[in-house]
C-alpha cells in the first residue's frame, strides 16, 4: 500500500503525526508513505523509516510570488513527483481548506480526511470522498492515531506512542561536556516564559555543573539568547540552527527545558529528558509527549486561556502573570528529578 500523507505544518503537528505512521507500518506490511510538507519542515519526514518520498510545498511563498518563474518551476516539480504513483489513499491529516485543495492534484482511489465536525476547517471535509469522526477534545497524537487507523483500516492501538525517529542519524554529533538545551523561542507572546526566569534557571544549572546551549529562530529570539548568555558564562549561543542541527544538539543533551514550541515536542519525541512549561495552552491537548517528558502547567485563574494576548490587568511581577506559578525553582526541581532518573 502506498499513501500520500498531506500534513504541511507546524513542527509540533508534524511530530504529533509520527506515532500514527508507526502504527500503520506495524499493522500493514510493506506500507509506504509519501509526505507532502512545507519546505521548512522537509528535514523531518525522512527520520521515519516508513516515509519513502518527501514532496515539499511552499504555499505561503507561492502565493506571494504567484507569477514568478521559480514558482511555476517548483509547482511543476511537485506535480511530477505526485504523478509518479497512483495512491491507494490520499490522506489529508491537516484538515484545512488549503491542504484539502492540494489533495486534488494526486492520483488516487480515494481522498480521505476528517468529517465536518472533526476538521479544523469544516469546509475541507467537502472535498474528501471518505470522512472520519475523531473527537477533538483529546491529545493531538491520539487524534492522529485514530484518523490513520480509520482511514487505513486497522484497529486503533492502545500502546504508548512510538515516534520511531532514527536516533543514529544524530550520533555523529557528540560534545564532551554535559549540557542542557533551553528552548525559549515561540510564536505566541503569551507562551514566552519570562526572560528573568531563564536567567535564574541558567544560574541554577551552571551551579550544578552544566553548560547551557541556547539558540533562536529570528532576530528577537537570538537577541534574547545573547542577553541570557551575558548574565552567565556557562551559556553558549548558537544562533539560527536549522532543524537537523537542532535535532542533533537535542539528541545528545542531558536534558531540555522548553516552552510550548515545536522543538520542545521534538526533544520529547527523541526521548530527551524534557520539562515543558505551559501557560496559555493546555498540555492535555498539545503537550510534548515522550518517555522522559514532564509538563509544568500554570495554576492560575485564567489559565489556560488559549489566547495569544494576555488580558490580565492586575499587578504582577512577571508577564504573562500566570507564569508566577511556574517559577525557576519549581522548574529546576522538576528537571533535577528527571536528571536523577
C-alpha atoms as a PDB file:
ATOM      1  CA  UNK A   1       0.000   0.000   0.000  1.00  0.00           C
ATOM      2  CA  UNK A   2       1.192   3.497  -0.830  1.00  0.00           C
ATOM      3  CA  UNK A   3      -0.319   6.516   0.918  1.00  0.00           C
ATOM      4  CA  UNK A   4       0.083  10.187   0.182  1.00  0.00           C
ATOM      5  CA  UNK A   5       0.077  11.987   3.525  1.00  0.00           C
ATOM      6  CA  UNK A   6      -0.688  15.704   3.495  1.00  0.00           C
ATOM      7  CA  UNK A   7       0.491  17.297   6.736  1.00  0.00           C
ATOM      8  CA  UNK A   8       2.234  20.524   5.887  1.00  0.00           C
ATOM      9  CA  UNK A   9       2.862  22.233   9.248  1.00  0.00           C
ATOM     10  CA  UNK A  10       3.521  23.179  12.045  1.00  0.00           C
ATOM     11  CA  UNK A  11       6.516  21.428  13.613  1.00  0.00           C
ATOM     12  CA  UNK A  12       4.550  20.301  16.659  1.00  0.00           C
ATOM     13  CA  UNK A  13       1.734  18.946  14.454  1.00  0.00           C
ATOM     14  CA  UNK A  14       4.255  17.103  12.303  1.00  0.00           C
ATOM     15  CA  UNK A  15       5.921  15.496  15.326  1.00  0.00           C
ATOM     16  CA  UNK A  16       2.466  14.522  16.621  1.00  0.00           C
ATOM     17  CA  UNK A  17       1.847  12.596  13.373  1.00  0.00           C
ATOM     18  CA  UNK A  18       4.885  10.304  13.592  1.00  0.00           C
ATOM     19  CA  UNK A  19       3.357   7.739  16.012  1.00  0.00           C
ATOM     20  CA  UNK A  20       0.438   7.236  13.598  1.00  0.00           C
ATOM     21  CA  UNK A  21       2.926   6.302  10.858  1.00  0.00           C
ATOM     22  CA  UNK A  22       4.486   3.784  13.241  1.00  0.00           C
ATOM     23  CA  UNK A  23       1.067   2.268  13.979  1.00  0.00           C
ATOM     24  CA  UNK A  24       0.298   1.948  10.272  1.00  0.00           C
ATOM     25  CA  UNK A  25       3.666   0.386   9.493  1.00  0.00           C
ATOM     26  CA  UNK A  26       3.184  -2.270  12.169  1.00  0.00           C
ATOM     27  CA  UNK A  27      -0.407  -3.024  11.131  1.00  0.00           C
ATOM     28  CA  UNK A  28       0.097  -3.044   7.334  1.00  0.00           C
ATOM     29  CA  UNK A  29       3.166  -4.850   5.959  1.00  0.00           C
ATOM     30  CA  UNK A  30       5.073  -3.006   3.222  1.00  0.00           C
ATOM     31  CA  UNK A  31       3.113   0.235   3.580  1.00  0.00           C
ATOM     32  CA  UNK A  32       4.942   3.316   2.322  1.00  0.00           C
ATOM     33  CA  UNK A  33       4.129   6.980   2.783  1.00  0.00           C
ATOM     34  CA  UNK A  34       4.918   9.905   0.549  1.00  0.00           C
ATOM     35  CA  UNK A  35       4.666  13.046   2.667  1.00  0.00           C
ATOM     36  CA  UNK A  36       3.618  16.444   1.327  1.00  0.00           C
ATOM     37  CA  UNK A  37       5.022  19.059   3.704  1.00  0.00           C
ATOM     38  CA  UNK A  38       6.088  22.702   3.859  1.00  0.00           C
ATOM     39  CA  UNK A  39       9.677  23.074   2.656  1.00  0.00           C
ATOM     40  CA  UNK A  40      10.873  24.469   6.002  1.00  0.00           C
ATOM     41  CA  UNK A  41       9.980  21.168   7.718  1.00  0.00           C
ATOM     42  CA  UNK A  42      11.123  18.804   4.956  1.00  0.00           C
ATOM     43  CA  UNK A  43      14.043  17.500   7.054  1.00  0.00           C
ATOM     44  CA  UNK A  44      11.687  15.722   9.472  1.00  0.00           C
ATOM     45  CA  UNK A  45       9.833  13.007   7.464  1.00  0.00           C
ATOM     46  CA  UNK A  46      12.994  11.083   6.390  1.00  0.00           C
ATOM     47  CA  UNK A  47      13.726  10.424  10.065  1.00  0.00           C
ATOM     48  CA  UNK A  48      10.893   7.862   9.981  1.00  0.00           C
ATOM     49  CA  UNK A  49      11.553   4.587   8.151  1.00  0.00           C
ATOM     50  CA  UNK A  50       8.067   4.300   6.622  1.00  0.00           C
ATOM     51  CA  UNK A  51       8.447   7.546   4.663  1.00  0.00           C
ATOM     52  CA  UNK A  52       9.621   6.948   1.118  1.00  0.00           C
ATOM     53  CA  UNK A  53       9.347  10.275  -0.711  1.00  0.00           C
ATOM     54  CA  UNK A  54       9.144  13.832   0.616  1.00  0.00           C
ATOM     55  CA  UNK A  55       7.175  16.274  -1.513  1.00  0.00           C
ATOM     56  CA  UNK A  56       7.950  19.839  -0.405  1.00  0.00           C
ATOM     57  CA  UNK A  57       5.492  22.679  -0.935  1.00  0.00           C
ATOM     58  CA  UNK A  58       5.761  26.395  -0.196  1.00  0.00           C
ATOM     59  CA  UNK A  59       2.190  27.677  -0.222  1.00  0.00           C
ATOM     60  CA  UNK A  60       2.861  30.963   1.563  1.00  0.00           C
ATOM     61  CA  UNK A  61       5.793  31.841  -0.651  1.00  0.00           C
ATOM     62  CA  UNK A  62       3.988  30.713  -3.801  1.00  0.00           C
ATOM     63  CA  UNK A  63       1.012  32.939  -3.004  1.00  0.00           C
ATOM     64  CA  UNK A  64       3.309  35.940  -2.667  1.00  0.00           C
ATOM     65  CA  UNK A  65       5.186  35.106  -5.886  1.00  0.00           C
ATOM     66  CA  UNK A  66       2.315  33.601  -7.857  1.00  0.00           C
ATOM     67  CA  UNK A  67       3.526  34.677 -11.298  1.00  0.00           C
ATOM     68  CA  UNK A  68       7.257  34.158 -10.751  1.00  0.00           C
ATOM     69  CA  UNK A  69       9.048  31.683 -12.975  1.00  0.00           C
ATOM     70  CA  UNK A  70      10.548  29.970  -9.902  1.00  0.00           C
ATOM     71  CA  UNK A  71       7.035  29.340  -8.563  1.00  0.00           C
ATOM     72  CA  UNK A  72       5.950  27.709 -11.824  1.00  0.00           C
ATOM     73  CA  UNK A  73       9.063  25.514 -11.859  1.00  0.00           C
ATOM     74  CA  UNK A  74       8.546  24.393  -8.250  1.00  0.00           C
ATOM     75  CA  UNK A  75       4.849  23.744  -8.835  1.00  0.00           C
ATOM     76  CA  UNK A  76       5.650  21.603 -11.896  1.00  0.00           C
ATOM     77  CA  UNK A  77       8.261  19.697  -9.898  1.00  0.00           C
ATOM     78  CA  UNK A  78       5.654  18.967  -7.225  1.00  0.00           C
ATOM     79  CA  UNK A  79       3.181  17.728  -9.860  1.00  0.00           C
ATOM     80  CA  UNK A  80       5.842  15.480 -11.390  1.00  0.00           C
ATOM     81  CA  UNK A  81       6.533  13.911  -8.009  1.00  0.00           C
ATOM     82  CA  UNK A  82       2.821  13.296  -7.452  1.00  0.00           C
ATOM     83  CA  UNK A  83       2.410  11.741 -10.895  1.00  0.00           C
ATOM     84  CA  UNK A  84       4.939   9.001 -10.100  1.00  0.00           C
ATOM     85  CA  UNK A  85       2.352   6.991  -8.151  1.00  0.00           C
ATOM     86  CA  UNK A  86      -1.311   6.081  -8.133  1.00  0.00           C
ATOM     87  CA  UNK A  87      -2.017   6.255  -4.391  1.00  0.00           C
ATOM     88  CA  UNK A  88      -4.228   3.805  -2.553  1.00  0.00           C
ATOM     89  CA  UNK A  89      -5.199   6.592  -0.166  1.00  0.00           C
ATOM     90  CA  UNK A  90      -4.644  10.363  -0.240  1.00  0.00           C
ATOM     91  CA  UNK A  91      -4.883  11.264   3.439  1.00  0.00           C
ATOM     92  CA  UNK A  92      -5.210  14.911   4.422  1.00  0.00           C
ATOM     93  CA  UNK A  93      -4.248  14.973   8.093  1.00  0.00           C
ATOM     94  CA  UNK A  94      -4.067  18.788   8.167  1.00  0.00           C
ATOM     95  CA  UNK A  95      -7.839  19.233   7.606  1.00  0.00           C
ATOM     96  CA  UNK A  96      -7.587  22.763   6.245  1.00  0.00           C
ATOM     97  CA  UNK A  97      -9.059  24.077   3.011  1.00  0.00           C
ATOM     98  CA  UNK A  98      -5.565  24.674   1.567  1.00  0.00           C
ATOM     99  CA  UNK A  99      -4.404  21.125   2.365  1.00  0.00           C
ATOM    100  CA  UNK A 100      -7.633  19.631   1.004  1.00  0.00           C
ATOM    101  CA  UNK A 101      -7.029  21.647  -2.190  1.00  0.00           C
ATOM    102  CA  UNK A 102      -3.608  20.008  -2.565  1.00  0.00           C
ATOM    103  CA  UNK A 103      -5.228  16.564  -2.483  1.00  0.00           C
ATOM    104  CA  UNK A 104      -6.874  17.243  -5.876  1.00  0.00           C
ATOM    105  CA  UNK A 105      -3.511  17.028  -7.642  1.00  0.00           C
ATOM    106  CA  UNK A 106      -2.709  13.474  -6.550  1.00  0.00           C
ATOM    107  CA  UNK A 107      -3.707  10.361  -8.461  1.00  0.00           C
ATOM    108  CA  UNK A 108      -5.535   8.085  -6.054  1.00  0.00           C
ATOM    109  CA  UNK A 109      -8.530   5.859  -5.497  1.00  0.00           C
ATOM    110  CA  UNK A 110      -9.874   7.974  -2.639  1.00  0.00           C
ATOM    111  CA  UNK A 111      -9.300  11.236  -0.796  1.00  0.00           C
ATOM    112  CA  UNK A 112      -9.694  10.831   2.959  1.00  0.00           C
ATOM    113  CA  UNK A 113      -9.841  13.182   5.924  1.00  0.00           C
ATOM    114  CA  UNK A 114     -11.820  14.341   8.923  1.00  0.00           C
ATOM    115  CA  UNK A 115     -15.551  14.954   8.714  1.00  0.00           C
ATOM    116  CA  UNK A 116     -17.405  18.267   9.073  1.00  0.00           C
ATOM    117  CA  UNK A 117     -17.426  18.244  12.888  1.00  0.00           C
ATOM    118  CA  UNK A 118     -13.865  16.976  13.317  1.00  0.00           C
ATOM    119  CA  UNK A 119     -11.886  19.032  10.780  1.00  0.00           C
ATOM    120  CA  UNK A 120     -10.091  22.211  11.810  1.00  0.00           C
ATOM    121  CA  UNK A 121     -11.790  23.930   8.873  1.00  0.00           C
ATOM    122  CA  UNK A 122     -15.121  22.215   8.254  1.00  0.00           C
ATOM    123  CA  UNK A 123     -15.266  23.198   4.572  1.00  0.00           C
ATOM    124  CA  UNK A 124     -12.228  20.998   3.913  1.00  0.00           C
ATOM    125  CA  UNK A 125     -14.362  17.911   4.577  1.00  0.00           C
ATOM    126  CA  UNK A 126     -16.468  18.616   1.476  1.00  0.00           C
ATOM    127  CA  UNK A 127     -13.505  17.650  -0.702  1.00  0.00           C
ATOM    128  CA  UNK A 128     -12.937  14.207   0.837  1.00  0.00           C
ATOM    129  CA  UNK A 129     -14.539  11.061  -0.536  1.00  0.00           C
ATOM    130  CA  UNK A 130     -14.065   9.239   2.780  1.00  0.00           C
ATOM    131  CA  UNK A 131     -14.682  11.140   6.014  1.00  0.00           C
ATOM    132  CA  UNK A 132     -13.965  10.094   9.571  1.00  0.00           C
ATOM    133  CA  UNK A 133     -15.062  11.264  13.002  1.00  0.00           C
ATOM    134  CA  UNK A 134     -12.392  11.943  15.610  1.00  0.00           C
ATOM    135  CA  UNK A 135     -13.080  13.538  18.995  1.00  0.00           C
ATOM    136  CA  UNK A 136     -11.458  16.970  19.061  1.00  0.00           C
ATOM    137  CA  UNK A 137     -11.110  17.023  22.860  1.00  0.00           C
ATOM    138  CA  UNK A 138      -8.160  14.696  23.224  1.00  0.00           C
ATOM    139  CA  UNK A 139      -4.443  14.906  22.650  1.00  0.00           C
ATOM    140  CA  UNK A 140      -3.357  15.648  19.074  1.00  0.00           C
ATOM    141  CA  UNK A 141      -1.330  12.425  18.933  1.00  0.00           C
ATOM    142  CA  UNK A 142      -4.412  10.385  19.823  1.00  0.00           C
ATOM    143  CA  UNK A 143      -6.395  12.244  17.160  1.00  0.00           C
ATOM    144  CA  UNK A 144      -3.823  11.403  14.503  1.00  0.00           C
ATOM    145  CA  UNK A 145      -3.591   7.757  15.545  1.00  0.00           C
ATOM    146  CA  UNK A 146      -7.384   7.488  15.424  1.00  0.00           C
ATOM    147  CA  UNK A 147      -7.639   9.104  11.978  1.00  0.00           C
ATOM    148  CA  UNK A 148      -4.953   6.847  10.492  1.00  0.00           C
ATOM    149  CA  UNK A 149      -6.494   3.679  11.945  1.00  0.00           C
ATOM    150  CA  UNK A 150      -9.902   4.509  10.447  1.00  0.00           C
ATOM    151  CA  UNK A 151      -8.622   5.682   7.078  1.00  0.00           C
ATOM    152  CA  UNK A 152      -6.226   2.748   6.601  1.00  0.00           C
ATOM    153  CA  UNK A 153      -8.411   0.055   8.153  1.00  0.00           C
ATOM    154  CA  UNK A 154      -6.763  -1.335  11.278  1.00  0.00           C
ATOM    155  CA  UNK A 155      -7.624  -1.393  14.982  1.00  0.00           C
ATOM    156  CA  UNK A 156      -6.531   1.650  16.976  1.00  0.00           C
ATOM    157  CA  UNK A 157      -3.512   0.543  19.064  1.00  0.00           C
ATOM    158  CA  UNK A 158      -3.553   1.048  22.823  1.00  0.00           C
ATOM    159  CA  UNK A 159       0.247   1.052  23.087  1.00  0.00           C
ATOM    160  CA  UNK A 160       2.182   4.218  24.068  1.00  0.00           C
ATOM    161  CA  UNK A 161       3.024   6.428  21.079  1.00  0.00           C
ATOM    162  CA  UNK A 162       6.220   5.431  19.271  1.00  0.00           C
ATOM    163  CA  UNK A 163       7.773   8.272  17.249  1.00  0.00           C
ATOM    164  CA  UNK A 164      10.289   5.836  15.704  1.00  0.00           C
ATOM    165  CA  UNK A 165      12.842   8.535  14.959  1.00  0.00           C
ATOM    166  CA  UNK A 166      16.127   7.026  13.837  1.00  0.00           C
ATOM    167  CA  UNK A 167      18.461   8.410  16.516  1.00  0.00           C
ATOM    168  CA  UNK A 168      21.535   7.016  14.735  1.00  0.00           C
ATOM    169  CA  UNK A 169      21.223   9.938  12.347  1.00  0.00           C
ATOM    170  CA  UNK A 170      22.394  12.216  15.165  1.00  0.00           C
ATOM    171  CA  UNK A 171      25.072  10.078  16.829  1.00  0.00           C
ATOM    172  CA  UNK A 172      27.901  11.675  14.854  1.00  0.00           C
ATOM    173  CA  UNK A 173      27.355  14.849  16.885  1.00  0.00           C
ATOM    174  CA  UNK A 174      28.726  14.479  20.421  1.00  0.00           C
ATOM    175  CA  UNK A 175      30.088  17.113  22.772  1.00  0.00           C
ATOM    176  CA  UNK A 176      32.425  16.039  25.588  1.00  0.00           C
ATOM    177  CA  UNK A 177      30.627  18.202  28.166  1.00  0.00           C
ATOM    178  CA  UNK A 178      27.316  17.642  29.884  1.00  0.00           C
ATOM    179  CA  UNK A 179      24.809  20.229  28.787  1.00  0.00           C
ATOM    180  CA  UNK A 180      21.189  21.318  28.826  1.00  0.00           C
ATOM    181  CA  UNK A 181      19.249  22.926  25.981  1.00  0.00           C
ATOM    182  CA  UNK A 182      16.941  25.859  26.701  1.00  0.00           C
ATOM    183  CA  UNK A 183      14.132  26.161  24.147  1.00  0.00           C
ATOM    184  CA  UNK A 184      12.779  29.643  24.766  1.00  0.00           C
ATOM    185  CA  UNK A 185      11.512  30.592  21.298  1.00  0.00           C
ATOM    186  CA  UNK A 186       7.821  30.512  20.416  1.00  0.00           C
ATOM    187  CA  UNK A 187       5.494  32.494  18.157  1.00  0.00           C
ATOM    188  CA  UNK A 188       2.924  33.443  20.807  1.00  0.00           C
ATOM    189  CA  UNK A 189       3.987  36.192  23.207  1.00  0.00           C
ATOM    190  CA  UNK A 190       1.812  34.566  25.885  1.00  0.00           C
ATOM    191  CA  UNK A 191       3.799  31.316  25.623  1.00  0.00           C
ATOM    192  CA  UNK A 192       7.082  33.062  26.395  1.00  0.00           C
ATOM    193  CA  UNK A 193       8.381  32.244  29.851  1.00  0.00           C
ATOM    194  CA  UNK A 194       9.821  35.463  31.381  1.00  0.00           C
ATOM    195  CA  UNK A 195      13.396  36.265  30.398  1.00  0.00           C
ATOM    196  CA  UNK A 196      14.358  36.889  34.029  1.00  0.00           C
ATOM    197  CA  UNK A 197      13.264  33.325  34.782  1.00  0.00           C
ATOM    198  CA  UNK A 198      15.540  31.916  32.067  1.00  0.00           C
ATOM    199  CA  UNK A 199      18.421  33.884  33.568  1.00  0.00           C
ATOM    200  CA  UNK A 200      17.721  32.470  37.040  1.00  0.00           C
ATOM    201  CA  UNK A 201      17.386  28.938  35.665  1.00  0.00           C
ATOM    202  CA  UNK A 202      20.713  29.272  33.831  1.00  0.00           C
ATOM    203  CA  UNK A 203      22.395  30.235  37.099  1.00  0.00           C
ATOM    204  CA  UNK A 204      20.923  27.176  38.839  1.00  0.00           C
ATOM    205  CA  UNK A 205      22.059  24.872  36.026  1.00  0.00           C
ATOM    206  CA  UNK A 206      25.554  26.374  35.944  1.00  0.00           C
ATOM    207  CA  UNK A 207      25.953  25.945  39.693  1.00  0.00           C
ATOM    208  CA  UNK A 208      25.159  22.235  39.211  1.00  0.00           C
ATOM    209  CA  UNK A 209      27.970  21.904  36.649  1.00  0.00           C
ATOM    210  CA  UNK A 210      26.022  22.072  33.387  1.00  0.00           C
ATOM    211  CA  UNK A 211      26.637  24.144  30.326  1.00  0.00           C
ATOM    212  CA  UNK A 212      23.569  25.596  28.642  1.00  0.00           C
ATOM    213  CA  UNK A 213      23.011  25.632  24.885  1.00  0.00           C
ATOM    214  CA  UNK A 214      20.550  28.188  23.552  1.00  0.00           C
ATOM    215  CA  UNK A 215      19.565  29.359  20.091  1.00  0.00           C
ATOM    216  CA  UNK A 216      16.891  31.375  18.295  1.00  0.00           C
ATOM    217  CA  UNK A 217      14.865  31.266  15.122  1.00  0.00           C
ATOM    218  CA  UNK A 218      14.530  35.018  14.486  1.00  0.00           C
ATOM    219  CA  UNK A 219      16.277  38.272  15.409  1.00  0.00           C
ATOM    220  CA  UNK A 220      14.216  38.775  18.565  1.00  0.00           C
ATOM    221  CA  UNK A 221      14.926  35.273  19.866  1.00  0.00           C
ATOM    222  CA  UNK A 222      18.638  35.492  19.052  1.00  0.00           C
ATOM    223  CA  UNK A 223      18.846  38.839  20.874  1.00  0.00           C
ATOM    224  CA  UNK A 224      17.145  37.290  23.909  1.00  0.00           C
ATOM    225  CA  UNK A 225      19.586  34.365  23.803  1.00  0.00           C
ATOM    226  CA  UNK A 226      22.565  36.743  23.879  1.00  0.00           C
ATOM    227  CA  UNK A 227      21.050  38.712  26.785  1.00  0.00           C
ATOM    228  CA  UNK A 228      20.674  35.496  28.776  1.00  0.00           C
ATOM    229  CA  UNK A 229      24.229  34.451  27.891  1.00  0.00           C
ATOM    230  CA  UNK A 230      25.573  37.832  29.011  1.00  0.00           C
ATOM    231  CA  UNK A 231      24.485  37.057  32.581  1.00  0.00           C
ATOM    232  CA  UNK A 232      26.050  33.586  32.805  1.00  0.00           C
ATOM    233  CA  UNK A 233      29.410  32.372  31.415  1.00  0.00           C
ATOM    234  CA  UNK A 234      28.073  28.802  31.187  1.00  0.00           C
ATOM    235  CA  UNK A 235      25.620  29.744  28.411  1.00  0.00           C
ATOM    236  CA  UNK A 236      26.629  29.119  24.778  1.00  0.00           C
ATOM    237  CA  UNK A 237      24.625  30.768  21.990  1.00  0.00           C
ATOM    238  CA  UNK A 238      24.255  29.064  18.602  1.00  0.00           C
ATOM    239  CA  UNK A 239      22.176  31.474  16.526  1.00  0.00           C
ATOM    240  CA  UNK A 240      19.636  30.187  13.989  1.00  0.00           C
ATOM    241  CA  UNK A 241      20.273  26.443  13.933  1.00  0.00           C
ATOM    242  CA  UNK A 242      18.347  24.576  11.252  1.00  0.00           C
ATOM    243  CA  UNK A 243      16.041  21.706  12.214  1.00  0.00           C
ATOM    244  CA  UNK A 244      18.594  18.956  11.600  1.00  0.00           C
ATOM    245  CA  UNK A 245      21.299  20.744  13.619  1.00  0.00           C
ATOM    246  CA  UNK A 246      18.905  21.419  16.492  1.00  0.00           C
ATOM    247  CA  UNK A 247      17.804  17.776  16.453  1.00  0.00           C
ATOM    248  CA  UNK A 248      21.434  16.687  16.767  1.00  0.00           C
ATOM    249  CA  UNK A 249      22.003  19.147  19.626  1.00  0.00           C
ATOM    250  CA  UNK A 250      18.916  17.857  21.430  1.00  0.00           C
ATOM    251  CA  UNK A 251      19.540  14.157  20.819  1.00  0.00           C
ATOM    252  CA  UNK A 252      22.862  14.312  22.680  1.00  0.00           C
ATOM    253  CA  UNK A 253      21.796  16.655  25.500  1.00  0.00           C
ATOM    254  CA  UNK A 254      21.396  15.609  29.111  1.00  0.00           C
ATOM    255  CA  UNK A 255      18.008  17.360  29.203  1.00  0.00           C
ATOM    256  CA  UNK A 256      15.952  20.202  27.763  1.00  0.00           C
ATOM    257  CA  UNK A 257      13.657  22.882  29.144  1.00  0.00           C
ATOM    258  CA  UNK A 258      11.031  24.174  26.736  1.00  0.00           C
ATOM    259  CA  UNK A 259       8.032  26.398  26.412  1.00  0.00           C
ATOM    260  CA  UNK A 260       5.158  25.189  24.205  1.00  0.00           C
ATOM    261  CA  UNK A 261       7.165  25.104  20.971  1.00  0.00           C
ATOM    262  CA  UNK A 262       7.911  22.704  18.142  1.00  0.00           C
ATOM    263  CA  UNK A 263      11.445  21.949  19.297  1.00  0.00           C
ATOM    264  CA  UNK A 264      10.062  21.010  22.711  1.00  0.00           C
ATOM    265  CA  UNK A 265       7.928  18.349  21.021  1.00  0.00           C
ATOM    266  CA  UNK A 266      10.997  17.190  19.115  1.00  0.00           C
ATOM    267  CA  UNK A 267      13.058  16.912  22.311  1.00  0.00           C
ATOM    268  CA  UNK A 268      10.364  14.773  23.947  1.00  0.00           C
ATOM    269  CA  UNK A 269       9.999  12.608  20.825  1.00  0.00           C
ATOM    270  CA  UNK A 270      13.765  11.968  20.891  1.00  0.00           C
ATOM    271  CA  UNK A 271      13.362  10.693  24.481  1.00  0.00           C
ATOM    272  CA  UNK A 272      15.499  13.514  25.826  1.00  0.00           C
ATOM    273  CA  UNK A 273      14.507  14.290  29.435  1.00  0.00           C
ATOM    274  CA  UNK A 274      12.311  17.339  28.847  1.00  0.00           C
ATOM    275  CA  UNK A 275      10.466  19.749  31.134  1.00  0.00           C
ATOM    276  CA  UNK A 276       7.844  21.696  29.186  1.00  0.00           C
ATOM    277  CA  UNK A 277       6.270  24.874  30.577  1.00  0.00           C
ATOM    278  CA  UNK A 278       2.652  25.741  29.764  1.00  0.00           C
ATOM    279  CA  UNK A 279       0.830  28.993  30.463  1.00  0.00           C
ATOM    280  CA  UNK A 280      -1.930  29.841  27.954  1.00  0.00           C
ATOM    281  CA  UNK A 281      -2.086  26.398  26.325  1.00  0.00           C
ATOM    282  CA  UNK A 282      -3.357  23.065  27.600  1.00  0.00           C
ATOM    283  CA  UNK A 283      -0.863  20.168  27.745  1.00  0.00           C
ATOM    284  CA  UNK A 284      -3.783  17.713  27.819  1.00  0.00           C
ATOM    285  CA  UNK A 285      -4.354  18.512  24.134  1.00  0.00           C
ATOM    286  CA  UNK A 286      -0.966  19.560  22.785  1.00  0.00           C
ATOM    287  CA  UNK A 287       1.587  18.654  25.455  1.00  0.00           C
ATOM    288  CA  UNK A 288       5.014  17.346  24.449  1.00  0.00           C
ATOM    289  CA  UNK A 289       4.906  13.564  24.908  1.00  0.00           C
ATOM    290  CA  UNK A 290       7.830  11.232  25.451  1.00  0.00           C
ATOM    291  CA  UNK A 291       9.022   8.570  27.853  1.00  0.00           C
ATOM    292  CA  UNK A 292      11.087  11.187  29.753  1.00  0.00           C
ATOM    293  CA  UNK A 293       8.837  14.219  29.446  1.00  0.00           C
ATOM    294  CA  UNK A 294       7.119  16.186  32.223  1.00  0.00           C
ATOM    295  CA  UNK A 295       4.698  19.115  31.961  1.00  0.00           C
ATOM    296  CA  UNK A 296       4.504  22.117  34.273  1.00  0.00           C
ATOM    297  CA  UNK A 297       1.237  23.976  33.699  1.00  0.00           C
ATOM    298  CA  UNK A 298       0.394  27.356  35.210  1.00  0.00           C
ATOM    299  CA  UNK A 299      -2.041  27.175  38.111  1.00  0.00           C
ATOM    300  CA  UNK A 300      -3.793  30.494  37.599  1.00  0.00           C
ATOM    301  CA  UNK A 301      -7.450  31.580  37.437  1.00  0.00           C
ATOM    302  CA  UNK A 302      -7.406  32.385  33.707  1.00  0.00           C
ATOM    303  CA  UNK A 303      -5.064  29.597  32.565  1.00  0.00           C
ATOM    304  CA  UNK A 304      -5.175  28.020  30.088  1.00  0.00           C
ATOM    305  CA  UNK A 305      -6.711  30.959  28.231  1.00  0.00           C
ATOM    306  CA  UNK A 306      -5.718  29.722  24.722  1.00  0.00           C
ATOM    307  CA  UNK A 307      -5.070  33.340  23.780  1.00  0.00           C
ATOM    308  CA  UNK A 308      -2.144  34.971  22.008  1.00  0.00           C
ATOM    309  CA  UNK A 309      -2.773  38.175  24.005  1.00  0.00           C
ATOM    310  CA  UNK A 310      -2.647  38.336  27.808  1.00  0.00           C
ATOM    311  CA  UNK A 311      -5.622  40.332  29.117  1.00  0.00           C
ATOM    312  CA  UNK A 312      -4.800  40.008  32.830  1.00  0.00           C
ATOM    313  CA  UNK A 313      -4.750  43.548  34.270  1.00  0.00           C
ATOM    314  CA  UNK A 314      -3.888  43.133  37.957  1.00  0.00           C
ATOM    315  CA  UNK A 315      -0.340  43.903  39.191  1.00  0.00           C
ATOM    316  CA  UNK A 316       2.141  41.118  38.599  1.00  0.00           C
ATOM    317  CA  UNK A 317       5.884  40.574  38.994  1.00  0.00           C
ATOM    318  CA  UNK A 318       6.107  38.947  35.560  1.00  0.00           C
ATOM    319  CA  UNK A 319       4.272  38.958  32.248  1.00  0.00           C
ATOM    320  CA  UNK A 320       2.279  36.890  31.468  1.00  0.00           C
ATOM    321  CA  UNK A 321       1.153  36.791  35.084  1.00  0.00           C
ATOM    322  CA  UNK A 322       0.239  33.093  35.041  1.00  0.00           C
ATOM    323  CA  UNK A 323       3.931  32.168  34.997  1.00  0.00           C
ATOM    324  CA  UNK A 324       4.239  33.333  38.597  1.00  0.00           C
ATOM    325  CA  UNK A 325       3.055  29.805  39.402  1.00  0.00           C
ATOM    326  CA  UNK A 326       5.907  28.234  37.380  1.00  0.00           C
ATOM    327  CA  UNK A 327       8.997  29.931  38.845  1.00  0.00           C
ATOM    328  CA  UNK A 328      12.594  28.864  38.122  1.00  0.00           C
ATOM    329  CA  UNK A 329      12.984  26.894  41.366  1.00  0.00           C
ATOM    330  CA  UNK A 330       9.947  24.774  40.508  1.00  0.00           C
ATOM    331  CA  UNK A 331      11.323  24.105  37.035  1.00  0.00           C
ATOM    332  CA  UNK A 332      14.775  23.272  38.382  1.00  0.00           C
ATOM    333  CA  UNK A 333      13.355  20.898  40.997  1.00  0.00           C
ATOM    334  CA  UNK A 334      11.392  19.051  38.304  1.00  0.00           C
ATOM    335  CA  UNK A 335      14.372  18.979  35.953  1.00  0.00           C
ATOM    336  CA  UNK A 336      16.644  17.657  38.718  1.00  0.00           C
ATOM    337  CA  UNK A 337      14.153  14.869  39.284  1.00  0.00           C
ATOM    338  CA  UNK A 338      14.388  13.869  35.618  1.00  0.00           C
ATOM    339  CA  UNK A 339      18.184  14.076  35.616  1.00  0.00           C
ATOM    340  CA  UNK A 340      18.389  11.691  38.577  1.00  0.00           C
ATOM    341  CA  UNK A 341      16.314   9.042  36.765  1.00  0.00           C
END
